[in-house]
């Protein structure tokens, strides 16, 4: 049909291009506004985008103007529902980067992240994406649920190339905090070498820069006396190395591991 319209001159091609754009807007809007299908939205958007790319390549011979109308129309319909697509794309990235995601090799994961980044480009609410992405990233880093540090840094680099240093500066700060915390814990273990830990318990601490991380509600935790004593020892150790700083303990994402030995009957 494209070849046929070519014979009619620019007017016929313009009509075909306009019809293609309207098709994208109408069908795409259905994918975005249906609240009952939010759990499938991102996958269906990816499939729709792949189909449209094939149309442009195979049916319209990679015509640049048809590629442009695809981009404009896709951007139009995906922003018909404020904020939700941004949230769901961020959640889709989180699902791919979490521990337990066994559906893809590293190479396949990179391709999936690239496709999700394409959806991200169309979204106006990038600040909404950042908020959800940061919250999910914090949980992956602090609770140890990240499937791959390399994949995490690769995604961060993609976002940096797409949006610039300002967009990713706090996210990069989160990674630096985690790396520095590992060094701090190594030094603390050396400090405790030869000293008996209260109650023979262990503790791992992440020292976070407040401005980099999501804000969490203050949670009051009732801790065993032995653990409180270990906290005091760590505080003394840390402040002796970093004068002028203040530690504020946050328990929102804390977790503990209990080991028990049961006697056989």
Protein backbone atom coordinates (compact mmCIF):
# COMPACT_ATOMS: atom_id res chain seq x y z
CA UNK A 1 0.00 0.00 0.00
CA UNK A 2 2.89 2.35 0.77
CA UNK A 3 4.28 1.85 -2.73
CA UNK A 4 0.84 2.57 -4.15
CA UNK A 5 0.52 5.81 -2.17
CA UNK A 6 3.99 6.83 -3.33
CA UNK A 7 2.61 7.11 -6.85
CA UNK A 8 0.03 9.67 -5.71
CA UNK A 9 2.73 12.09 -4.58
CA UNK A 10 3.29 13.90 -1.25
CA UNK A 11 -0.41 14.39 -0.55
CA UNK A 12 -1.13 10.67 -0.53
CA UNK A 13 1.88 9.91 1.67
CA UNK A 14 0.81 12.61 4.13
CA UNK A 15 -2.65 11.04 4.39
CA UNK A 16 -1.12 7.61 5.00
CA UNK A 17 1.25 9.00 7.61
CA UNK A 18 -1.61 10.76 9.39
CA UNK A 19 -3.65 7.55 9.41
CA UNK A 20 -0.67 5.68 10.87
CA UNK A 21 -0.35 8.28 13.62
CA UNK A 22 -4.05 8.08 14.47
CA UNK A 23 -3.86 4.29 14.63
CA UNK A 24 -1.01 4.52 17.14
CA UNK A 25 -2.84 7.05 19.32
CA UNK A 26 -6.13 5.14 19.39
CA UNK A 27 -4.71 1.67 20.03
CA UNK A 28 -2.01 2.92 22.38
CA UNK A 29 -4.45 4.86 24.53
CA UNK A 30 -6.42 1.67 25.16
CA UNK A 31 -3.28 0.06 26.61
CA UNK A 32 -2.61 2.98 28.94
CA UNK A 33 -6.01 3.95 30.34
CA UNK A 34 -7.33 0.47 31.24
CA UNK A 35 -6.77 0.34 35.01
CA UNK A 36 -7.64 -3.36 35.16
CA UNK A 37 -4.66 -4.18 32.95
CA UNK A 38 -1.99 -2.20 34.79
CA UNK A 39 -0.08 -5.39 35.56
CA UNK A 40 0.25 -6.06 31.81
CA UNK A 41 0.70 -2.48 30.61
CA UNK A 42 4.49 -2.42 30.28
CA UNK A 43 4.72 -5.77 28.47
CA UNK A 44 1.93 -4.77 26.08
CA UNK A 45 3.59 -1.40 25.42
CA UNK A 46 6.85 -3.17 24.58
CA UNK A 47 5.06 -5.53 22.19
CA UNK A 48 3.18 -2.64 20.58
CA UNK A 49 6.40 -0.66 20.10
CA UNK A 50 8.13 -3.64 18.47
CA UNK A 51 5.18 -4.10 16.11
CA UNK A 52 5.22 -0.43 15.14
CA UNK A 53 8.97 -0.55 14.51
CA UNK A 54 8.40 -3.48 12.15
CA UNK A 55 5.70 -1.51 10.34
CA UNK A 56 8.08 1.40 9.77
CA UNK A 57 10.91 -0.86 8.64
CA UNK A 58 9.03 -3.38 6.52
CA UNK A 59 5.92 -1.53 5.31
CA UNK A 60 7.24 2.03 5.05
CA UNK A 61 10.83 1.20 4.02
CA UNK A 62 12.25 2.94 7.13
CA UNK A 63 10.91 6.29 5.94
CA UNK A 64 12.16 8.93 8.40
CA UNK A 65 8.87 10.83 8.46
CA UNK A 66 6.96 7.69 9.43
CA UNK A 67 9.53 7.08 12.16
CA UNK A 68 8.93 10.60 13.45
CA UNK A 69 5.15 10.21 13.48
CA UNK A 70 5.62 6.96 15.42
CA UNK A 71 7.65 8.78 18.09
CA UNK A 72 5.26 11.74 18.31
CA UNK A 73 2.14 9.55 18.49
CA UNK A 74 3.66 7.15 21.02
CA UNK A 75 4.69 10.05 23.24
CA UNK A 76 1.19 11.51 22.93
CA UNK A 77 -0.76 8.46 24.06
CA UNK A 78 1.60 7.18 26.77
CA UNK A 79 1.20 10.49 28.62
CA UNK A 80 -2.61 10.44 28.46
CA UNK A 81 -2.56 8.90 31.93
CA UNK A 82 -0.46 11.00 34.25
CA UNK A 83 2.29 9.34 36.35
CA UNK A 84 1.11 5.72 36.17
CA UNK A 85 3.20 4.67 33.14
CA UNK A 86 6.28 6.20 34.81
CA UNK A 87 5.61 4.22 37.99
CA UNK A 88 5.02 0.96 36.15
CA UNK A 89 8.14 1.30 33.99
CA UNK A 90 10.19 1.88 37.17
CA UNK A 91 8.59 -1.21 38.73
CA UNK A 92 9.37 -3.22 35.60
CA UNK A 93 13.04 -2.24 35.87
CA UNK A 94 13.00 -3.24 39.54
CA UNK A 95 11.51 -6.64 38.71
CA UNK A 96 14.30 -7.32 36.21
CA UNK A 97 17.09 -6.23 38.57
CA UNK A 98 15.90 -8.03 41.71
CA UNK A 99 17.38 -11.25 43.03
CA UNK A 100 15.32 -14.18 41.86
CA UNK A 101 14.90 -12.95 38.30
CA UNK A 102 16.05 -16.03 36.38
CA UNK A 103 14.23 -15.35 33.14
CA UNK A 104 17.19 -13.86 31.27
CA UNK A 105 20.94 -14.11 30.80
CA UNK A 106 23.06 -10.97 31.29
CA UNK A 107 22.93 -10.25 27.56
CA UNK A 108 19.16 -10.73 27.44
CA UNK A 109 18.78 -8.56 30.54
CA UNK A 110 20.69 -5.74 28.83
CA UNK A 111 18.34 -5.93 25.85
CA UNK A 112 15.27 -5.83 28.11
CA UNK A 113 16.62 -2.81 29.99
CA UNK A 114 17.30 -1.05 26.67
CA UNK A 115 13.69 -1.63 25.63
CA UNK A 116 12.40 -0.29 28.95
CA UNK A 117 14.61 2.75 28.51
CA UNK A 118 12.89 3.44 25.19
CA UNK A 119 9.55 3.61 27.02
CA UNK A 120 11.19 5.87 29.60
CA UNK A 121 12.16 8.34 26.85
CA UNK A 122 8.54 8.86 25.89
CA UNK A 123 7.37 9.57 29.45
CA UNK A 124 7.03 13.18 30.60
CA UNK A 125 6.92 12.36 34.32
CA UNK A 126 10.59 11.46 34.66
CA UNK A 127 10.62 12.82 38.22
CA UNK A 128 7.93 10.25 39.09
CA UNK A 129 10.05 7.50 37.54
CA UNK A 130 13.07 8.70 39.53
CA UNK A 131 11.15 8.64 42.83
CA UNK A 132 9.97 5.05 42.37
CA UNK A 133 13.29 3.93 40.91
CA UNK A 134 15.21 5.40 43.85
CA UNK A 135 12.90 3.77 46.40
CA UNK A 136 13.23 0.37 44.74
CA UNK A 137 16.99 0.75 44.28
CA UNK A 138 17.39 1.57 47.97
CA UNK A 139 15.56 -1.60 48.93
CA UNK A 140 17.63 -3.71 46.54
CA UNK A 141 20.90 -2.31 47.88
CA UNK A 142 20.08 -2.28 51.59
CA UNK A 143 18.28 -5.61 51.81
CA UNK A 144 20.69 -7.37 49.45
CA UNK A 145 18.07 -8.08 46.78
CA UNK A 146 20.05 -6.87 43.79
CA UNK A 147 20.65 -9.65 41.27
CA UNK A 148 23.73 -8.06 39.72
CA UNK A 149 25.85 -5.05 40.64
CA UNK A 150 27.05 -4.87 37.02
CA UNK A 151 23.46 -4.72 35.75
CA UNK A 152 22.64 -2.03 38.34
CA UNK A 153 25.57 0.12 37.24
CA UNK A 154 24.77 -0.49 33.59
CA UNK A 155 21.22 0.80 34.10
CA UNK A 156 22.55 3.79 36.01
CA UNK A 157 24.89 4.60 33.12
CA UNK A 158 21.99 4.37 30.66
CA UNK A 159 19.98 6.85 32.74
CA UNK A 160 22.99 9.15 33.02
CA UNK A 161 23.52 9.15 29.26
CA UNK A 162 19.82 9.78 28.73
CA UNK A 163 19.17 12.48 31.35
CA UNK A 164 22.54 13.84 32.45
CA UNK A 165 24.53 14.02 35.68
CA UNK A 166 21.95 15.93 37.71
CA UNK A 167 19.34 13.19 37.25
CA UNK A 168 21.66 10.42 38.47
CA UNK A 169 23.85 12.25 41.01
CA UNK A 170 21.89 11.03 44.04
CA UNK A 171 21.61 7.52 42.62
CA UNK A 172 25.38 7.43 42.16
CA UNK A 173 25.74 8.69 45.73
CA UNK A 174 23.73 5.69 46.95
CA UNK A 175 26.19 3.30 45.30
CA UNK A 176 29.14 5.20 46.80
CA UNK A 177 27.58 4.95 50.27
CA UNK A 178 27.26 1.17 49.92
CA UNK A 179 30.88 0.81 48.79
CA UNK A 180 32.15 3.03 51.61
CA UNK A 181 30.03 1.10 54.11
CA UNK A 182 31.79 -2.11 53.10
CA UNK A 183 35.15 -0.47 53.85
CA UNK A 184 33.83 0.84 57.17
CA UNK A 185 32.61 -2.62 58.19
CA UNK A 186 35.97 -4.16 57.24
CA UNK A 187 37.71 -1.61 59.48
CA UNK A 188 35.18 -2.22 62.27
CA UNK A 189 35.77 -5.97 62.12
CA UNK A 190 39.50 -5.32 62.48
CA UNK A 191 38.75 -2.98 65.38
CA UNK A 192 36.70 -5.72 67.07
CA UNK A 193 39.36 -8.36 66.49
CA UNK A 194 40.43 -9.61 69.89
CA UNK A 195 37.44 -7.95 71.54
CA UNK A 196 34.46 -10.01 72.56
CA UNK A 197 31.24 -8.83 70.96
CA UNK A 198 28.40 -8.35 73.46
CA UNK A 199 26.23 -11.44 73.45
CA UNK A 200 28.39 -12.99 70.72
CA UNK A 201 26.28 -11.33 68.01
CA UNK A 202 27.26 -9.75 64.72
CA UNK A 203 26.11 -6.52 63.11
CA UNK A 204 26.39 -5.05 59.63
CA UNK A 205 25.90 -1.29 59.28
CA UNK A 206 25.31 0.83 56.19
CA UNK A 207 26.30 4.45 56.75
CA UNK A 208 24.14 6.53 54.43
CA UNK A 209 24.25 10.16 53.36
CA UNK A 210 20.81 11.54 54.20
CA UNK A 211 20.45 13.65 51.04
CA UNK A 212 20.99 10.70 48.68
CA UNK A 213 18.40 8.25 49.98
CA UNK A 214 14.60 8.17 50.13
CA UNK A 215 13.04 9.56 53.28
CA UNK A 216 11.80 6.88 55.65
CA UNK A 217 9.46 7.28 58.63
CA UNK A 218 11.10 7.11 62.03
CA UNK A 219 10.65 3.66 63.53
CA UNK A 220 11.25 2.88 67.19
CA UNK A 221 12.87 -0.50 67.73
CA UNK A 222 13.15 -2.30 71.06
CA UNK A 223 16.57 -3.92 70.88
CA UNK A 224 18.23 -6.43 73.21
CA UNK A 225 20.76 -4.87 75.63
CA UNK A 226 23.62 -6.71 73.90
CA UNK A 227 22.71 -5.16 70.58
CA UNK A 228 22.41 -1.68 72.10
CA UNK A 229 25.90 -2.10 73.53
CA UNK A 230 27.24 -3.14 70.11
CA UNK A 231 25.63 -0.04 68.61
CA UNK A 232 27.43 2.11 71.18
CA UNK A 233 30.75 0.45 70.34
CA UNK A 234 30.22 1.07 66.62
CA UNK A 235 29.21 4.69 67.23
CA UNK A 236 32.35 5.31 69.29
CA UNK A 237 34.47 3.65 66.60
CA UNK A 238 32.89 5.59 63.72
CA UNK A 239 32.96 9.02 65.36
CA UNK A 240 36.59 8.53 66.34
CA UNK A 241 37.34 8.22 62.61
CA UNK A 242 34.94 10.93 61.42
CA UNK A 243 34.84 13.85 63.80
CA UNK A 244 32.01 16.35 63.46
CA UNK A 245 29.55 13.83 62.07
CA UNK A 246 26.36 12.53 63.64
CA UNK A 247 24.85 9.07 63.37
CA UNK A 248 21.08 8.65 63.32
CA UNK A 249 19.96 5.04 63.44
CA UNK A 250 17.21 4.07 60.98
CA UNK A 251 15.45 0.72 61.36
CA UNK A 252 12.89 0.83 58.53
CA UNK A 253 14.73 -1.60 56.24
CA UNK A 254 16.65 -3.47 58.94
CA UNK A 255 16.59 -7.22 58.96
CA UNK A 256 18.12 -9.89 61.15
CA UNK A 257 19.11 -13.52 60.87
CA UNK A 258 18.46 -15.87 63.77
CA UNK A 259 20.28 -19.18 64.00
CA UNK A 260 19.10 -21.93 66.28
CA UNK A 261 20.18 -25.43 67.15
CA UNK A 262 17.50 -27.87 68.22
CA UNK A 263 18.34 -30.93 70.24
CA UNK A 264 17.28 -34.24 68.83
CA UNK A 265 14.72 -36.11 70.87
